[in-house]
C-alpha cells in the first residue's frame, strides 16, 4: 500500500473521530425541519402534512440507526507475529472477510429501504397533486421538495459511512504480505467494485440534490418560498458546507495513486463502468420511461408544421411580453413606483424536456404556472425546472393532434370546470424523463 495513501487515510480516520462516518452537518437543521413539519400538521391537520412528518422521522431514525450500526463494525487491528505461518494469516483474513461482509450486507439491505423512502416522498406528492392546477398545490409540492432535499443529505451520510467501512478493509487487504495469496487478490477486486458502487451512489445523490436545490432556488427567486423555508434551506447548506465528507476526493485522486499495481487497470476499468452505470440514475420519483431522442426530434418537427397553430400563438405571447409589456412596465414603474414593477424581459433557452423552447414570460397577466403552446414552454414565474417534464407531455399531444390540440384542451377544461381533466392526465402519462 502506498505510504501517501495510508497517511491520507489516517487523516481521514482522525477527521471522522475513529468512525467510518457520521451524520454531522445534517442533524441540527433536520431537527428544525421536523419541528416545522410538526407545527404545520398541528395547525392544519392535513393528511399530506402528517405523511411528510412521518416520512421525515423515518428517514432520520433509519439513517442514524444504520450509521450507528455500521460504526459498530470493529476496525481491524493488525496483529504481528514473531513467526508468521499459514494458519494465523488465514485466521486473520477470515476475520476481516467476516467483518466486512456483515457490514456490507447491512449497508445493502438498509440503504435500499432508505432509497424507497426518498422515492416515496416524490410519488406521494405526484399522485396527490397530478389532477390539480399547479398554482393550487404549489405549497404542498414545495414542502415535499424541501423534505426530499433534507432526506438526500441523510442518505448521503449513510453511503459515506458504508464507503468508509469498505475503504478501511480495502486498506487492510492491500498489505504486501497478502500479495501471494490468490484469494486475496480476488477479494481486493470485489472490494474495489463495491467501493466504486458506493461512491457512484454518492454522485447520484449529489446530482439529485443539485436538481432539487436548483428548482427550489428558482421558486425562491420568484418569491414562492416563505421566510421559514428559505431559512431552513440556508441553514442546511451552511451546515453541510462545514461538514463535507472526504470520500469523493479519494475516488479519483488518492485511490488511483495508492492502490496496488495489479489493480491499476482493474480500477480504471471499474471506474469507467461505474460512471457509465450511474450517470443517468436518480433516487427521485419519475413516473415515465425514458424517451428515445428520435421521438424528441419528431415532436419538434411536428410542432413546427402540423402543430404550428399553437406554436404561432406561443410566439405571439413571447413577442407581446418582449416588445409591448416589458417596455410598458418600465414606463409605468417610473410613473407609479408603488403600483408597478418593471418586468425583466423574456428569457429564451432550450426547455429541460429537450422538446420545446423555454420562454420566461413572468408578468404576463391572468395565466398561472406554466403552459405549453406547441414548440413553446411558457413560464409564468415558476422557474426553469418546474413541471418541464409535464409540459413535454403536452408537447407530444400537440405534435400528435396538431390543430385539434387546443380544441381538445379547451373541451377537457370545460368538462371538468377548469381542472384539466383528460388532457392533463394524458400529459402525465406522456411525462418526459430528463
Protein backbone atom coordinates (compact mmCIF):
# COMPACT_ATOMS: atom_id res chain seq x y z
CA UNK A 1 0.00 0.00 0.00
CA UNK A 2 1.37 3.42 -0.93
CA UNK A 3 2.58 5.32 2.16
CA UNK A 4 0.94 8.56 0.99
CA UNK A 5 -2.40 6.79 0.68
CA UNK A 6 -2.03 5.28 4.12
CA UNK A 7 -1.16 8.69 5.62
CA UNK A 8 -4.15 10.31 3.95
CA UNK A 9 -6.38 7.54 5.17
CA UNK A 10 -5.14 8.05 8.74
CA UNK A 11 -6.05 11.74 8.42
CA UNK A 12 -9.48 10.70 7.21
CA UNK A 13 -9.94 8.38 10.20
CA UNK A 14 -8.94 11.14 12.61
CA UNK A 15 -11.33 13.60 10.95
CA UNK A 16 -14.25 11.21 11.50
CA UNK A 17 -13.37 10.57 15.17
CA UNK A 18 -12.31 6.98 14.53
CA UNK A 19 -15.64 6.16 12.91
CA UNK A 20 -16.40 5.17 9.37
CA UNK A 21 -18.80 8.09 9.08
CA UNK A 22 -21.31 10.29 10.88
CA UNK A 23 -24.44 12.38 10.39
CA UNK A 24 -22.64 15.61 11.32
CA UNK A 25 -23.96 18.61 9.47
CA UNK A 26 -27.41 17.13 8.98
CA UNK A 27 -28.87 16.52 12.45
CA UNK A 28 -29.30 20.13 13.61
CA UNK A 29 -31.08 21.56 10.54
CA UNK A 30 -33.07 18.34 10.14
CA UNK A 31 -34.43 18.60 13.68
CA UNK A 32 -35.61 22.10 12.82
CA UNK A 33 -37.30 20.73 9.69
CA UNK A 34 -39.12 18.07 11.74
CA UNK A 35 -40.30 20.71 14.21
CA UNK A 36 -41.62 22.89 11.37
CA UNK A 37 -43.47 19.91 9.90
CA UNK A 38 -44.88 19.08 13.33
CA UNK A 39 -46.09 22.66 13.85
CA UNK A 40 -47.65 22.76 10.40
CA UNK A 41 -49.52 19.50 10.93
CA UNK A 42 -50.84 20.62 14.33
CA UNK A 43 -52.08 23.82 12.71
CA UNK A 44 -53.70 22.35 9.57
CA UNK A 45 -54.37 18.67 10.44
CA UNK A 46 -53.64 17.88 6.79
CA UNK A 47 -53.03 14.25 5.83
CA UNK A 48 -50.24 15.37 3.49
CA UNK A 49 -48.56 17.25 6.33
CA UNK A 50 -48.88 14.15 8.52
CA UNK A 51 -47.39 11.97 5.78
CA UNK A 52 -44.38 14.27 5.40
CA UNK A 53 -43.88 14.41 9.16
CA UNK A 54 -43.93 10.61 9.43
CA UNK A 55 -41.56 10.22 6.47
CA UNK A 56 -39.16 12.84 7.88
CA UNK A 57 -38.97 10.98 11.20
CA UNK A 58 -38.48 7.63 9.48
CA UNK A 59 -35.68 8.90 7.23
CA UNK A 60 -33.93 10.42 10.25
CA UNK A 61 -34.33 7.39 12.52
CA UNK A 62 -33.40 4.81 9.87
CA UNK A 63 -30.36 6.78 8.68
CA UNK A 64 -28.98 7.40 12.16
CA UNK A 65 -29.58 3.78 13.12
CA UNK A 66 -27.75 2.46 10.06
CA UNK A 67 -24.78 4.82 10.53
CA UNK A 68 -24.54 3.74 14.19
CA UNK A 69 -24.71 0.04 13.28
CA UNK A 70 -22.03 0.35 10.60
CA UNK A 71 -19.78 2.26 13.02
CA UNK A 72 -20.10 -0.67 15.44
CA UNK A 73 -18.33 -2.95 12.94
CA UNK A 74 -14.90 -3.24 14.56
CA UNK A 75 -11.95 -1.84 12.73
CA UNK A 76 -9.28 -4.41 12.14
CA UNK A 77 -6.28 -4.13 14.45
CA UNK A 78 -3.29 -5.74 12.83
CA UNK A 79 -1.55 -8.44 14.81
CA UNK A 80 2.08 -9.10 14.12
CA UNK A 81 3.57 -12.44 14.99
CA UNK A 82 7.22 -13.22 15.56
CA UNK A 83 6.74 -16.28 13.41
CA UNK A 84 4.15 -15.86 10.67
CA UNK A 85 2.56 -19.04 9.42
CA UNK A 86 -0.20 -20.01 7.05
CA UNK A 87 -2.65 -20.67 9.87
CA UNK A 88 -2.54 -17.30 11.62
CA UNK A 89 -2.59 -15.42 8.30
CA UNK A 90 -5.65 -17.42 7.20
CA UNK A 91 -7.37 -16.74 10.53
CA UNK A 92 -6.67 -13.02 10.18
CA UNK A 93 -8.03 -12.92 6.63
CA UNK A 94 -11.15 -14.88 7.58
CA UNK A 95 -11.77 -12.45 10.45
CA UNK A 96 -11.51 -9.46 8.12
CA UNK A 97 -13.76 -11.05 5.50
CA UNK A 98 -16.41 -11.81 8.10
CA UNK A 99 -16.46 -8.25 9.42
CA UNK A 100 -16.61 -6.53 6.04
CA UNK A 101 -19.19 -8.99 4.65
CA UNK A 102 -21.53 -8.44 7.61
CA UNK A 103 -21.10 -4.67 7.37
CA UNK A 104 -21.73 -4.51 3.63
CA UNK A 105 -24.79 -6.76 3.89
CA UNK A 106 -26.19 -4.29 6.43
CA UNK A 107 -25.43 -1.38 4.09
CA UNK A 108 -27.02 -3.00 1.04
CA UNK A 109 -30.24 -4.03 2.78
CA UNK A 110 -30.98 -0.87 4.74
CA UNK A 111 -29.75 1.69 2.22
CA UNK A 112 -32.24 0.23 -0.26
CA UNK A 113 -35.03 0.86 2.25
CA UNK A 114 -33.88 4.48 2.51
CA UNK A 115 -33.91 4.83 -1.28
CA UNK A 116 -37.54 3.68 -1.25
CA UNK A 117 -38.41 6.38 1.29
CA UNK A 118 -36.90 9.11 -0.94
CA UNK A 119 -38.79 7.74 -3.93
CA UNK A 120 -42.00 7.51 -1.91
CA UNK A 121 -41.95 11.20 -0.98
CA UNK A 122 -41.93 12.22 -4.64
CA UNK A 123 -44.50 9.60 -5.64
CA UNK A 124 -46.94 10.68 -2.92
CA UNK A 125 -46.64 14.34 -3.96
CA UNK A 126 -47.12 13.48 -7.64
CA UNK A 127 -50.14 11.20 -7.16
CA UNK A 128 -51.85 13.60 -4.77
CA UNK A 129 -51.47 16.64 -6.99
CA UNK A 130 -51.43 15.36 -10.58
CA UNK A 131 -55.09 16.21 -11.26
CA UNK A 132 -54.98 19.68 -9.72
CA UNK A 133 -53.88 23.06 -11.01
CA UNK A 134 -50.21 23.70 -10.30
CA UNK A 135 -50.74 27.04 -8.58
CA UNK A 136 -53.27 25.47 -6.20
CA UNK A 137 -50.84 22.85 -4.88
CA UNK A 138 -47.54 24.71 -5.15
CA UNK A 139 -47.13 24.98 -1.37
CA UNK A 140 -47.65 21.24 -0.94
CA UNK A 141 -45.12 20.48 -3.69
CA UNK A 142 -42.54 22.85 -2.17
CA UNK A 143 -42.85 21.15 1.24
CA UNK A 144 -42.23 17.77 -0.38
CA UNK A 145 -39.23 19.08 -2.33
CA UNK A 146 -37.66 20.54 0.82
CA UNK A 147 -38.18 17.24 2.65
CA UNK A 148 -36.60 15.41 -0.29
CA UNK A 149 -33.56 17.72 -0.23
CA UNK A 150 -33.05 17.20 3.51
CA UNK A 151 -33.56 13.44 3.23
CA UNK A 152 -30.97 13.20 0.47
CA UNK A 153 -28.38 14.68 2.84
CA UNK A 154 -29.10 11.97 5.42
CA UNK A 155 -28.82 9.16 2.89
CA UNK A 156 -25.61 10.76 1.60
CA UNK A 157 -24.13 10.36 5.07
CA UNK A 158 -25.22 6.72 5.06
CA UNK A 159 -23.38 5.99 1.80
CA UNK A 160 -20.30 7.88 3.01
CA UNK A 161 -20.25 5.72 6.14
CA UNK A 162 -20.60 2.49 4.16
CA UNK A 163 -17.86 3.64 1.77
CA UNK A 164 -15.66 4.45 4.79
CA UNK A 165 -16.12 0.90 6.07
CA UNK A 166 -15.20 -0.52 2.66
CA UNK A 167 -12.17 1.73 2.33
CA UNK A 168 -10.83 0.64 5.73
CA UNK A 169 -10.84 -3.02 4.73
CA UNK A 170 -9.55 -2.27 1.23
CA UNK A 171 -6.58 -0.71 3.00
CA UNK A 172 -6.10 -3.75 5.23
CA UNK A 173 -6.31 -6.27 2.40
CA UNK A 174 -3.72 -4.27 0.43
CA UNK A 175 -0.86 -5.18 2.79
CA UNK A 176 2.01 -6.52 0.68
CA UNK A 177 2.34 -9.78 2.64
CA UNK A 178 -1.00 -10.89 1.14
CA UNK A 179 0.13 -10.36 -2.46
CA UNK A 180 0.98 -14.03 -2.99
CA UNK A 181 -2.46 -15.26 -1.91
CA UNK A 182 -4.82 -15.69 -4.92
CA UNK A 183 -7.99 -15.45 -2.80
CA UNK A 184 -6.87 -12.05 -1.50
CA UNK A 185 -6.25 -10.70 -5.00
CA UNK A 186 -9.78 -11.73 -5.95
CA UNK A 187 -11.28 -10.17 -2.83
CA UNK A 188 -9.40 -6.92 -3.44
CA UNK A 189 -11.17 -6.59 -6.80
CA UNK A 190 -14.52 -7.34 -5.17
CA UNK A 191 -13.99 -4.65 -2.51
CA UNK A 192 -12.89 -2.16 -5.16
CA UNK A 193 -16.07 -2.83 -7.12
CA UNK A 194 -18.21 -2.31 -4.00
CA UNK A 195 -16.37 0.89 -3.13
CA UNK A 196 -16.96 2.31 -6.60
CA UNK A 197 -20.63 1.34 -6.39
CA UNK A 198 -20.97 3.24 -3.12
CA UNK A 199 -19.16 6.33 -4.42
CA UNK A 200 -21.24 6.05 -7.60
CA UNK A 201 -24.35 6.39 -5.45
CA UNK A 202 -22.80 9.45 -3.82
CA UNK A 203 -22.54 11.02 -7.28
CA UNK A 204 -26.20 10.19 -7.93
CA UNK A 205 -27.23 11.77 -4.63
CA UNK A 206 -25.13 14.84 -5.35
CA UNK A 207 -26.76 15.24 -8.77
CA UNK A 208 -30.26 14.75 -7.32
CA UNK A 209 -29.53 17.29 -4.58
CA UNK A 210 -28.34 19.79 -7.18
CA UNK A 211 -31.51 19.34 -9.26
CA UNK A 212 -33.83 19.73 -6.26
CA UNK A 213 -31.84 22.72 -4.98
CA UNK A 214 -31.96 24.40 -8.38
CA UNK A 215 -35.72 24.02 -8.54
CA UNK A 216 -36.13 25.47 -5.04
CA UNK A 217 -33.77 28.34 -5.90
CA UNK A 218 -35.90 29.30 -8.87
CA UNK A 219 -39.02 29.19 -6.73
CA UNK A 220 -37.26 31.40 -4.18
CA UNK A 221 -36.32 33.90 -6.90
CA UNK A 222 -39.99 34.11 -7.83
CA UNK A 223 -40.97 34.63 -4.15
CA UNK A 224 -42.80 31.31 -3.70
CA UNK A 225 -40.81 30.27 -0.61
CA UNK A 226 -41.69 31.53 2.85
CA UNK A 227 -39.05 33.09 5.10
CA UNK A 228 -39.07 29.94 7.26
CA UNK A 229 -38.48 27.73 4.21
CA UNK A 230 -35.61 29.92 2.99
CA UNK A 231 -34.04 29.85 6.45
CA UNK A 232 -34.31 26.05 6.61
CA UNK A 233 -32.56 25.58 3.28
CA UNK A 234 -29.83 28.12 4.02
CA UNK A 235 -29.11 26.53 7.41
CA UNK A 236 -28.83 23.10 5.81
CA UNK A 237 -26.48 24.42 3.12
CA UNK A 238 -24.24 26.08 5.72
CA UNK A 239 -24.12 23.01 7.95
CA UNK A 240 -23.30 20.71 5.05
CA UNK A 241 -20.58 23.08 3.85
CA UNK A 242 -18.93 22.94 7.27
CA UNK A 243 -19.10 19.11 7.43
CA UNK A 244 -18.32 17.89 3.93
CA UNK A 245 -17.41 14.21 3.54
CA UNK A 246 -13.94 13.36 2.26
CA UNK A 247 -14.64 10.18 0.33
CA UNK A 248 -15.24 11.74 -3.10
CA UNK A 249 -11.68 13.05 -3.03
CA UNK A 250 -10.35 9.51 -2.63
CA UNK A 251 -12.17 8.10 -5.64
CA UNK A 252 -10.13 9.76 -8.41
CA UNK A 253 -7.01 11.19 -6.78
CA UNK A 254 -5.90 9.01 -3.88
CA UNK A 255 -7.06 5.56 -4.97
CA UNK A 256 -5.53 5.83 -8.43
CA UNK A 257 -2.14 6.70 -6.90
CA UNK A 258 -2.23 4.33 -3.97
CA UNK A 259 -3.81 1.02 -4.98
CA UNK A 260 -1.53 -1.96 -5.66
CA UNK A 261 -0.09 -2.21 -9.16
CA UNK A 262 -2.08 -5.30 -10.09
CA UNK A 263 -5.30 -3.33 -9.51
CA UNK A 264 -4.38 -0.25 -11.56
CA UNK A 265 -6.01 -1.45 -14.76
CA UNK A 266 -8.88 -3.04 -12.83
CA UNK A 267 -9.54 0.26 -11.06
CA UNK A 268 -9.61 2.29 -14.28
CA UNK A 269 -11.90 -0.22 -15.96
CA UNK A 270 -14.20 -0.45 -12.94
CA UNK A 271 -14.34 3.33 -12.57
CA UNK A 272 -15.36 3.74 -16.21
CA UNK A 273 -18.08 1.11 -15.83
CA UNK A 274 -19.27 2.70 -12.60
CA UNK A 275 -19.51 6.17 -14.17
CA UNK A 276 -21.44 4.75 -17.13
CA UNK A 277 -23.75 2.76 -14.88
CA UNK A 278 -24.64 5.64 -12.56
CA UNK A 279 -24.62 8.63 -14.92
CA UNK A 280 -28.38 8.59 -15.60
CA UNK A 281 -29.54 7.14 -12.28
CA UNK A 282 -31.70 9.02 -9.79
CA UNK A 283 -33.35 8.33 -6.45
CA UNK A 284 -36.13 10.79 -7.26
CA UNK A 285 -39.59 9.68 -8.37
CA UNK A 286 -40.23 9.78 -12.11
CA UNK A 287 -43.42 8.16 -13.48
CA UNK A 288 -42.20 7.69 -17.03
CA UNK A 289 -39.81 5.60 -19.03
CA UNK A 290 -37.01 7.32 -20.95
CA UNK A 291 -37.94 8.81 -24.32
CA UNK A 292 -35.84 7.98 -27.35
CA UNK A 293 -34.03 11.08 -28.77
CA UNK A 294 -35.62 10.39 -32.18
CA UNK A 295 -39.03 10.93 -30.59
CA UNK A 296 -37.87 14.35 -29.39
CA UNK A 297 -36.90 15.29 -32.94
CA UNK A 298 -40.24 14.13 -34.35
CA UNK A 299 -42.15 16.14 -31.73
CA UNK A 300 -40.14 19.28 -32.55
CA UNK A 301 -40.66 18.93 -36.30
CA UNK A 302 -44.37 18.23 -35.90
CA UNK A 303 -44.92 21.26 -33.66
CA UNK A 304 -43.26 23.41 -36.32
CA UNK A 305 -45.59 22.05 -39.01
CA UNK A 306 -48.73 20.08 -38.03
CA UNK A 307 -48.83 21.83 -34.65
CA UNK A 308 -47.88 25.27 -35.95
CA UNK A 309 -51.19 26.88 -34.86
CA UNK A 310 -50.39 26.69 -31.16
CA UNK A 311 -46.68 27.35 -31.84
CA UNK A 312 -47.69 30.61 -33.57
CA UNK A 313 -49.89 31.59 -30.61
CA UNK A 314 -46.97 30.87 -28.27
CA UNK A 315 -44.72 33.07 -30.38
CA UNK A 316 -47.34 35.83 -30.17
CA UNK A 317 -47.29 35.66 -26.36
CA UNK A 318 -43.47 35.82 -26.32
CA UNK A 319 -43.39 38.82 -28.67
CA UNK A 320 -46.14 40.61 -26.73
CA UNK A 321 -44.23 40.13 -23.49
CA UNK A 322 -40.93 41.27 -25.05
CA UNK A 323 -41.96 44.15 -27.28
CA UNK A 324 -45.00 45.58 -25.52
CA UNK A 325 -45.40 44.54 -21.91
CA UNK A 326 -41.75 44.77 -20.81
CA UNK A 327 -41.13 48.34 -22.11
CA UNK A 328 -44.58 49.40 -20.84
CA UNK A 329 -43.75 48.12 -17.36
CA UNK A 330 -40.60 50.28 -17.24
CA UNK A 331 -42.64 53.39 -18.06
CA UNK A 332 -45.40 52.55 -15.58
CA UNK A 333 -42.87 51.86 -12.82
CA UNK A 334 -41.29 55.27 -13.37
CA UNK A 335 -44.70 56.97 -13.22
CA UNK A 336 -46.28 54.87 -10.45
CA UNK A 337 -43.44 53.22 -8.49
CA UNK A 338 -45.73 51.99 -5.72
CA UNK A 339 -48.05 50.08 -8.02
CA UNK A 340 -45.95 48.64 -10.84
CA UNK A 341 -42.81 46.52 -11.07
CA UNK A 342 -40.57 46.54 -14.15
CA UNK A 343 -40.52 43.21 -15.98
CA UNK A 344 -37.12 41.64 -16.60
CA UNK A 345 -37.74 40.83 -20.26
CA UNK A 346 -38.22 37.48 -21.93
CA UNK A 347 -35.53 34.82 -21.45
CA UNK A 348 -35.46 32.02 -24.01
CA UNK A 349 -33.46 28.78 -23.94
CA UNK A 350 -33.89 25.05 -24.62
CA UNK A 351 -36.50 23.63 -22.25
CA UNK A 352 -35.39 20.99 -19.82
CA UNK A 353 -37.63 18.44 -21.56
CA UNK A 354 -35.45 18.93 -24.72
CA UNK A 355 -38.53 19.21 -26.98
CA UNK A 356 -39.54 22.84 -26.54
CA UNK A 357 -38.21 26.36 -26.24
CA UNK A 358 -38.47 27.62 -22.68
CA UNK A 359 -39.66 31.24 -22.50
CA UNK A 360 -39.78 33.13 -19.20
CA UNK A 361 -42.78 35.44 -19.57
CA UNK A 362 -43.19 36.22 -15.89
CA UNK A 363 -45.57 39.15 -15.54
CA UNK A 364 -47.90 38.17 -18.36
CA UNK A 365 -51.38 38.59 -16.84
CA UNK A 366 -54.05 36.10 -15.85
CA UNK A 367 -52.17 32.85 -16.54
CA UNK A 368 -50.87 30.73 -13.61
CA UNK A 369 -47.76 28.48 -13.52
CA UNK A 370 -46.76 27.01 -16.92
CA UNK A 371 -48.46 26.44 -20.24
CA UNK A 372 -47.48 24.61 -23.45
CA UNK A 373 -48.09 26.13 -26.85
CA UNK A 374 -46.63 23.75 -29.41
CA UNK A 375 -42.91 24.38 -29.56
CA UNK A 376 -43.12 26.81 -26.62
CA UNK A 377 -42.97 26.07 -22.89
CA UNK A 378 -44.27 29.33 -21.43
CA UNK A 379 -43.27 30.02 -17.83
CA UNK A 380 -45.35 32.40 -15.74
CA UNK A 381 -42.98 32.88 -12.76
CA UNK A 382 -42.44 29.27 -11.62
CA UNK A 383 -38.87 28.73 -12.87
CA UNK A 384 -36.98 26.74 -15.49
CA UNK A 385 -37.02 23.39 -13.65
CA UNK A 386 -40.64 23.40 -12.55
CA UNK A 387 -43.01 20.95 -14.36
CA UNK A 388 -40.99 20.90 -17.59
CA UNK A 389 -41.42 17.12 -17.88
CA UNK A 390 -45.21 17.50 -17.68
CA UNK A 391 -45.16 20.25 -20.31
CA UNK A 392 -43.20 17.86 -22.50
CA UNK A 393 -46.23 15.56 -22.32
CA UNK A 394 -48.35 18.41 -23.70
CA UNK A 395 -45.76 18.95 -26.46
CA UNK A 396 -46.27 15.34 -27.56
CA UNK A 397 -50.05 15.86 -27.56
CA UNK A 398 -49.64 18.96 -29.69
CA UNK A 399 -47.39 17.10 -32.12
CA UNK A 400 -49.97 14.30 -32.46
CA UNK A 401 -53.19 16.34 -32.57
CA UNK A 402 -51.92 19.37 -34.46
CA UNK A 403 -54.73 21.96 -34.91
CA UNK A 404 -57.05 19.75 -32.82
CA UNK A 405 -54.89 20.17 -29.70
CA UNK A 406 -56.33 23.50 -28.48
CA UNK A 407 -59.99 22.45 -29.02
CA UNK A 408 -59.26 19.23 -27.11
CA UNK A 409 -57.61 21.13 -24.25
CA UNK A 410 -60.47 23.67 -24.04
CA UNK A 411 -63.04 20.87 -24.04
CA UNK A 412 -61.17 19.00 -21.31
CA UNK A 413 -61.08 22.03 -19.04
CA UNK A 414 -64.71 22.94 -19.80
CA UNK A 415 -65.97 19.46 -18.89
CA UNK A 416 -64.02 19.50 -15.61
CA UNK A 417 -64.87 23.07 -14.58
CA UNK A 418 -61.34 24.35 -15.15
CA UNK A 419 -59.48 21.44 -13.53
CA UNK A 420 -57.79 19.89 -16.56
CA UNK A 421 -59.41 16.50 -16.90
CA UNK A 422 -58.31 14.04 -19.56
CA UNK A 423 -55.85 16.42 -21.27
CA UNK A 424 -53.83 16.75 -18.03
CA UNK A 425 -53.98 13.04 -17.17
CA UNK A 426 -52.84 12.24 -20.69
CA UNK A 427 -49.90 14.66 -20.35
CA UNK A 428 -48.95 12.93 -17.09
CA UNK A 429 -48.96 9.57 -18.87
CA UNK A 430 -46.65 11.01 -21.54
CA UNK A 431 -44.43 12.68 -18.94
CA UNK A 432 -40.85 13.17 -20.21
CA UNK A 433 -37.86 11.72 -18.36
CA UNK A 434 -34.87 14.07 -18.30
